[in-house]
């Protein structure tokens, strides 16, 4: 059966809520009851709010899982639940050759606006072609709104977390120091693209990098360069630690300061070695002669 039903919030305050079998049975009958007059069920034409079913069938309908197996209710348990609902005035039960005919009753305890009719609502009246199109369009719009909200939230959270990294600056730090650390932290987080927070170890590494006599723009360029070089060697990897960047920056700055240092590790020819030793003043031409 199609259609839908409405339940009052008063159920959660009623004793019926605490009687599991009776409550499940009542909801089951509400869900299965006819939403309009003249519907034929089991060969019988029934009215709005009515449902016909045998006790043996209801015991199967109300099966539950215990452990790894399903268990059916005993017919006597279902009968006691029906009697409770009838006594409470929520149902009328009439025996027929094809089963028990149940009629939902609108009681004073759970009063609806228009009697039993207010419980039952017909299905939506769209065509089968129109409804999926509308549903898909609505779902797409909702997904787009959710994505926009998520992106905005992540952006705000990222800015908040970056500021949060240096809400408690180290003693003696100037405003310029704080701005420099925030900029470098933001640059690293953007390049890392994995989370918006820095660990305490990363914060200390940022402070050490910022203490170098190098402009902020140059440090940011070095970070980009380090990430690019790393990805060339490790396409599927990622730098997750500022400490790694700190070591590479130190190496790069040392190389720029002593350009000949990088060539020392290479194997020298005898003539290159003699020329280097002469330049360094370790040997003289007289000694060579």
Protein backbone atom coordinates (compact mmCIF):
# COMPACT_ATOMS: atom_id res chain seq x y z
CA UNK A 1 0.00 0.00 0.00
CA UNK A 2 1.18 3.47 -0.80
CA UNK A 3 0.59 6.72 1.08
CA UNK A 4 1.88 7.83 4.44
CA UNK A 5 0.71 8.31 8.04
CA UNK A 6 1.22 10.85 10.80
CA UNK A 7 2.10 10.03 14.40
CA UNK A 8 1.57 12.35 17.33
CA UNK A 9 4.49 13.16 19.65
CA UNK A 10 2.25 12.21 22.59
CA UNK A 11 3.19 8.57 22.01
CA UNK A 12 6.55 9.08 23.71
CA UNK A 13 4.75 10.14 26.91
CA UNK A 14 2.24 7.29 26.90
CA UNK A 15 2.56 3.84 28.49
CA UNK A 16 2.19 2.35 25.00
CA UNK A 17 5.71 3.61 24.19
CA UNK A 18 7.12 1.22 26.82
CA UNK A 19 5.18 -1.82 25.56
CA UNK A 20 7.37 -2.85 22.64
CA UNK A 21 5.10 -5.46 21.07
CA UNK A 22 1.90 -3.40 21.33
CA UNK A 23 3.61 -0.27 20.00
CA UNK A 24 5.19 -2.10 17.04
CA UNK A 25 1.86 -3.75 16.23
CA UNK A 26 0.01 -0.43 16.34
CA UNK A 27 2.55 1.27 14.06
CA UNK A 28 2.45 -1.73 11.70
CA UNK A 29 -1.33 -1.51 11.40
CA UNK A 30 -1.16 2.26 10.90
CA UNK A 31 1.35 1.76 8.08
CA UNK A 32 -0.69 -0.95 6.41
CA UNK A 33 -4.20 0.48 6.87
CA UNK A 34 -6.05 1.80 3.82
CA UNK A 35 -5.70 5.55 3.21
CA UNK A 36 -8.99 5.69 1.25
CA UNK A 37 -12.35 3.90 1.08
CA UNK A 38 -12.89 1.07 -1.38
CA UNK A 39 -9.41 -0.48 -1.39
CA UNK A 40 -9.53 -4.28 -1.83
CA UNK A 41 -7.30 -6.31 0.48
CA UNK A 42 -7.33 -10.12 0.63
CA UNK A 43 -10.49 -10.08 -1.49
CA UNK A 44 -12.38 -7.76 0.87
CA UNK A 45 -13.26 -4.14 0.15
CA UNK A 46 -12.21 -2.12 3.18
CA UNK A 47 -12.67 1.47 4.34
CA UNK A 48 -10.16 4.16 5.21
CA UNK A 49 -8.22 3.25 8.36
CA UNK A 50 -8.92 -0.49 8.09
CA UNK A 51 -6.57 -3.46 7.71
CA UNK A 52 -7.23 -7.19 7.60
CA UNK A 53 -4.66 -9.76 8.70
CA UNK A 54 -4.50 -13.15 10.44
CA UNK A 55 -2.71 -13.50 13.78
CA UNK A 56 -0.34 -16.10 12.30
CA UNK A 57 0.66 -13.59 9.61
CA UNK A 58 1.11 -10.79 12.16
CA UNK A 59 3.46 -13.00 14.19
CA UNK A 60 5.68 -13.20 11.09
CA UNK A 61 5.28 -9.47 10.31
CA UNK A 62 6.60 -8.57 13.75
CA UNK A 63 9.68 -10.80 13.60
CA UNK A 64 12.77 -9.48 15.36
CA UNK A 65 16.48 -10.27 15.38
CA UNK A 66 18.03 -11.92 18.42
CA UNK A 67 21.70 -12.74 18.10
CA UNK A 68 22.18 -13.94 14.54
CA UNK A 69 18.71 -15.33 13.94
CA UNK A 70 15.21 -13.99 13.38
CA UNK A 71 12.44 -14.88 15.79
CA UNK A 72 8.69 -14.72 15.26
CA UNK A 73 6.25 -13.74 17.99
CA UNK A 74 3.86 -16.30 19.38
CA UNK A 75 0.22 -15.90 18.27
CA UNK A 76 -0.78 -15.57 21.92
CA UNK A 77 1.65 -12.65 22.34
CA UNK A 78 0.14 -10.90 19.30
CA UNK A 79 -3.38 -11.55 20.63
CA UNK A 80 -2.51 -9.97 24.01
CA UNK A 81 -1.06 -6.92 22.22
CA UNK A 82 -4.28 -6.59 20.17
CA UNK A 83 -6.40 -6.85 23.28
CA UNK A 84 -4.32 -4.12 24.94
CA UNK A 85 -4.78 -1.78 21.94
CA UNK A 86 -8.51 -2.50 21.81
CA UNK A 87 -8.88 -1.90 25.56
CA UNK A 88 -6.96 1.37 25.20
CA UNK A 89 -9.41 2.39 22.45
CA UNK A 90 -6.82 2.69 19.68
CA UNK A 91 -8.21 -0.18 17.58
CA UNK A 92 -11.39 -2.07 16.84
CA UNK A 93 -10.93 -5.78 16.07
CA UNK A 94 -13.53 -7.87 14.25
CA UNK A 95 -13.02 -11.53 13.36
CA UNK A 96 -13.76 -12.52 9.75
CA UNK A 97 -13.24 -15.78 7.78
CA UNK A 98 -10.16 -14.24 6.14
CA UNK A 99 -8.56 -12.82 9.28
CA UNK A 100 -9.07 -10.07 11.84
CA UNK A 101 -10.39 -6.76 10.51
CA UNK A 102 -8.67 -3.92 12.36
CA UNK A 103 -10.02 -0.36 12.38
CA UNK A 104 -7.88 2.54 13.62
CA UNK A 105 -9.77 4.70 16.14
CA UNK A 106 -9.04 8.36 16.87
CA UNK A 107 -9.01 8.48 20.68
CA UNK A 108 -9.15 11.40 23.08
CA UNK A 109 -5.59 10.57 24.13
CA UNK A 110 -4.24 10.95 20.59
CA UNK A 111 -6.72 13.37 19.05
CA UNK A 112 -6.26 14.42 15.41
CA UNK A 113 -7.94 17.32 13.66
CA UNK A 114 -10.35 15.45 11.40
CA UNK A 115 -10.82 12.11 13.07
CA UNK A 116 -9.21 8.93 11.71
CA UNK A 117 -8.90 10.53 8.27
CA UNK A 118 -6.15 12.80 9.56
CA UNK A 119 -3.91 9.79 10.23
CA UNK A 120 -3.83 8.66 6.62
CA UNK A 121 -2.61 10.67 3.65
CA UNK A 122 -2.59 9.58 0.01
CA UNK A 123 0.61 9.30 -2.03
CA UNK A 124 1.93 12.35 -3.89
CA UNK A 125 0.18 12.97 -7.18
CA UNK A 126 3.09 13.39 -9.60
CA UNK A 127 3.51 11.37 -12.75
CA UNK A 128 6.15 8.65 -12.74
CA UNK A 129 8.20 10.67 -15.28
CA UNK A 130 7.99 14.04 -13.52
CA UNK A 131 8.87 12.89 -10.03
CA UNK A 132 12.33 11.42 -10.66
CA UNK A 133 13.29 14.52 -12.65
CA UNK A 134 12.19 16.81 -9.84
CA UNK A 135 13.82 14.60 -7.23
CA UNK A 136 17.11 14.54 -9.15
CA UNK A 137 17.06 18.31 -9.61
CA UNK A 138 16.29 18.90 -5.94
CA UNK A 139 18.94 16.42 -4.84
CA UNK A 140 21.52 18.08 -7.13
CA UNK A 141 20.69 21.53 -5.76
CA UNK A 142 20.92 20.25 -2.18
CA UNK A 143 24.28 18.59 -2.88
CA UNK A 144 25.60 21.80 -4.44
CA UNK A 145 24.47 23.83 -1.43
CA UNK A 146 26.05 21.31 0.93
CA UNK A 147 29.31 21.41 -1.05
CA UNK A 148 29.38 25.23 -1.02
CA UNK A 149 28.70 25.29 2.71
CA UNK A 150 31.39 22.67 3.36
CA UNK A 151 33.98 24.61 1.32
CA UNK A 152 33.12 27.86 3.11
CA UNK A 153 33.27 26.12 6.49
CA UNK A 154 36.65 24.54 5.68
CA UNK A 155 38.00 27.89 4.51
CA UNK A 156 36.86 29.61 7.70
CA UNK A 157 38.18 26.77 9.85
CA UNK A 158 41.55 26.89 8.10
CA UNK A 159 41.89 30.63 8.72
CA UNK A 160 40.76 30.15 12.32
CA UNK A 161 43.22 27.32 12.95
CA UNK A 162 46.14 29.24 11.42
CA UNK A 163 45.42 32.21 13.68
CA UNK A 164 44.97 29.80 16.59
CA UNK A 165 48.51 28.49 16.02
CA UNK A 166 49.97 31.79 17.26
CA UNK A 167 47.31 33.15 19.60
CA UNK A 168 49.91 32.67 22.33
CA UNK A 169 53.17 33.90 20.77
CA UNK A 170 56.53 33.22 22.40
CA UNK A 171 57.82 35.90 24.80
CA UNK A 172 59.56 38.81 23.09
CA UNK A 173 57.93 38.18 19.70
CA UNK A 174 57.11 41.37 17.81
CA UNK A 175 54.07 41.94 15.61
CA UNK A 176 56.24 41.44 12.54
CA UNK A 177 57.45 38.10 13.91
CA UNK A 178 53.87 36.94 14.46
CA UNK A 179 52.79 38.01 10.96
CA UNK A 180 55.82 36.26 9.45
CA UNK A 181 55.04 33.03 11.32
CA UNK A 182 51.38 33.15 10.32
CA UNK A 183 52.27 33.68 6.67
CA UNK A 184 54.77 30.84 6.66
CA UNK A 185 52.34 28.54 8.51
CA UNK A 186 49.58 29.37 6.03
CA UNK A 187 51.91 28.69 3.11
CA UNK A 188 53.00 25.34 4.49
CA UNK A 189 49.41 24.27 5.28
CA UNK A 190 48.26 25.24 1.77
CA UNK A 191 51.11 23.29 0.16
CA UNK A 192 50.64 20.29 2.44
CA UNK A 193 46.87 20.27 1.75
CA UNK A 194 46.23 17.89 4.62
CA UNK A 195 44.64 19.30 7.76
CA UNK A 196 44.61 22.85 9.12
CA UNK A 197 46.56 22.44 12.37
CA UNK A 198 50.26 22.44 13.12
CA UNK A 199 51.79 20.25 15.81
CA UNK A 200 53.89 21.79 18.54
CA UNK A 201 56.98 20.41 16.81
CA UNK A 202 55.95 22.10 13.55
CA UNK A 203 55.30 25.42 15.33
CA UNK A 204 58.81 25.38 16.79
CA UNK A 205 60.25 24.57 13.37
CA UNK A 206 58.36 27.54 11.88
CA UNK A 207 59.78 29.82 14.57
CA UNK A 208 63.32 28.64 13.83
CA UNK A 209 62.85 29.16 10.09
CA UNK A 210 61.44 32.64 10.68
CA UNK A 211 64.43 33.52 12.85
CA UNK A 212 66.70 33.17 9.80
CA UNK A 213 67.83 36.50 8.28
CA UNK A 214 65.69 35.90 5.19
CA UNK A 215 62.66 37.82 3.96
CA UNK A 216 59.21 36.26 4.24
CA UNK A 217 58.71 36.23 0.47
CA UNK A 218 61.96 34.34 -0.05
CA UNK A 219 61.03 31.76 2.61
CA UNK A 220 57.64 31.25 0.95
CA UNK A 221 59.38 30.76 -2.41
CA UNK A 222 61.75 28.24 -0.83
CA UNK A 223 58.78 26.27 0.54
CA UNK A 224 57.19 26.11 -2.92
CA UNK A 225 60.52 25.03 -4.40
CA UNK A 226 60.97 22.31 -1.77
CA UNK A 227 57.49 20.87 -2.38
CA UNK A 228 58.01 20.94 -6.18
CA UNK A 229 61.35 19.15 -5.94
CA UNK A 230 59.93 16.58 -3.54
CA UNK A 231 56.97 15.79 -5.80
CA UNK A 232 59.28 15.33 -8.79
CA UNK A 233 61.14 12.62 -6.88
CA UNK A 234 58.06 11.23 -5.05
CA UNK A 235 54.92 11.76 -7.21
CA UNK A 236 52.70 9.88 -4.76
CA UNK A 237 54.24 11.29 -1.60
CA UNK A 238 53.73 14.43 0.45
CA UNK A 239 55.69 16.51 2.96
CA UNK A 240 53.92 16.42 6.32
CA UNK A 241 56.58 17.95 8.58
CA UNK A 242 57.91 21.50 8.78
CA UNK A 243 61.12 20.06 10.23
CA UNK A 244 61.88 18.47 6.85
CA UNK A 245 61.50 21.85 5.16
CA UNK A 246 63.69 23.44 7.84
CA UNK A 247 66.58 21.07 7.06
CA UNK A 248 66.28 21.59 3.29
CA UNK A 249 66.08 25.38 3.70
CA UNK A 250 69.22 25.27 5.84
CA UNK A 251 71.02 23.23 3.19
CA UNK A 252 69.93 25.56 0.39
CA UNK A 253 70.99 28.68 2.25
CA UNK A 254 74.36 27.12 3.11
CA UNK A 255 74.88 26.19 -0.53
CA UNK A 256 74.08 29.73 -1.64
CA UNK A 257 76.51 31.07 0.93
CA UNK A 258 79.32 28.64 -0.06
CA UNK A 259 78.72 27.62 -3.69
CA UNK A 260 81.98 25.61 -3.78
CA UNK A 261 80.84 23.50 -0.84
CA UNK A 262 78.47 21.51 -3.04
CA UNK A 263 81.27 20.49 -5.40
CA UNK A 264 83.55 19.14 -2.65
CA UNK A 265 81.66 15.88 -2.50
CA UNK A 266 82.26 15.27 -6.20
CA UNK A 267 85.36 13.33 -7.27
CA UNK A 268 88.10 15.77 -8.27
CA UNK A 269 90.72 15.25 -10.91
CA UNK A 270 94.32 15.77 -9.87
CA UNK A 271 94.59 19.06 -11.78
CA UNK A 272 91.34 20.36 -10.24
CA UNK A 273 92.54 19.41 -6.79
CA UNK A 274 95.90 21.22 -7.25
CA UNK A 275 94.11 24.29 -8.59
CA UNK A 276 91.74 24.30 -5.62
CA UNK A 277 94.57 23.92 -3.09
CA UNK A 278 96.46 26.82 -4.74
CA UNK A 279 93.33 29.01 -4.53
CA UNK A 280 92.84 28.06 -0.90
CA UNK A 281 96.51 28.94 -0.19
CA UNK A 282 97.37 25.51 1.06
CA UNK A 283 100.16 25.03 -1.49
CA UNK A 284 102.30 27.50 -3.44
CA UNK A 285 103.79 27.41 -6.89
CA UNK A 286 107.30 27.06 -5.40
CA UNK A 287 106.20 24.01 -3.43
CA UNK A 288 104.65 22.62 -6.59
CA UNK A 289 107.95 23.13 -8.46
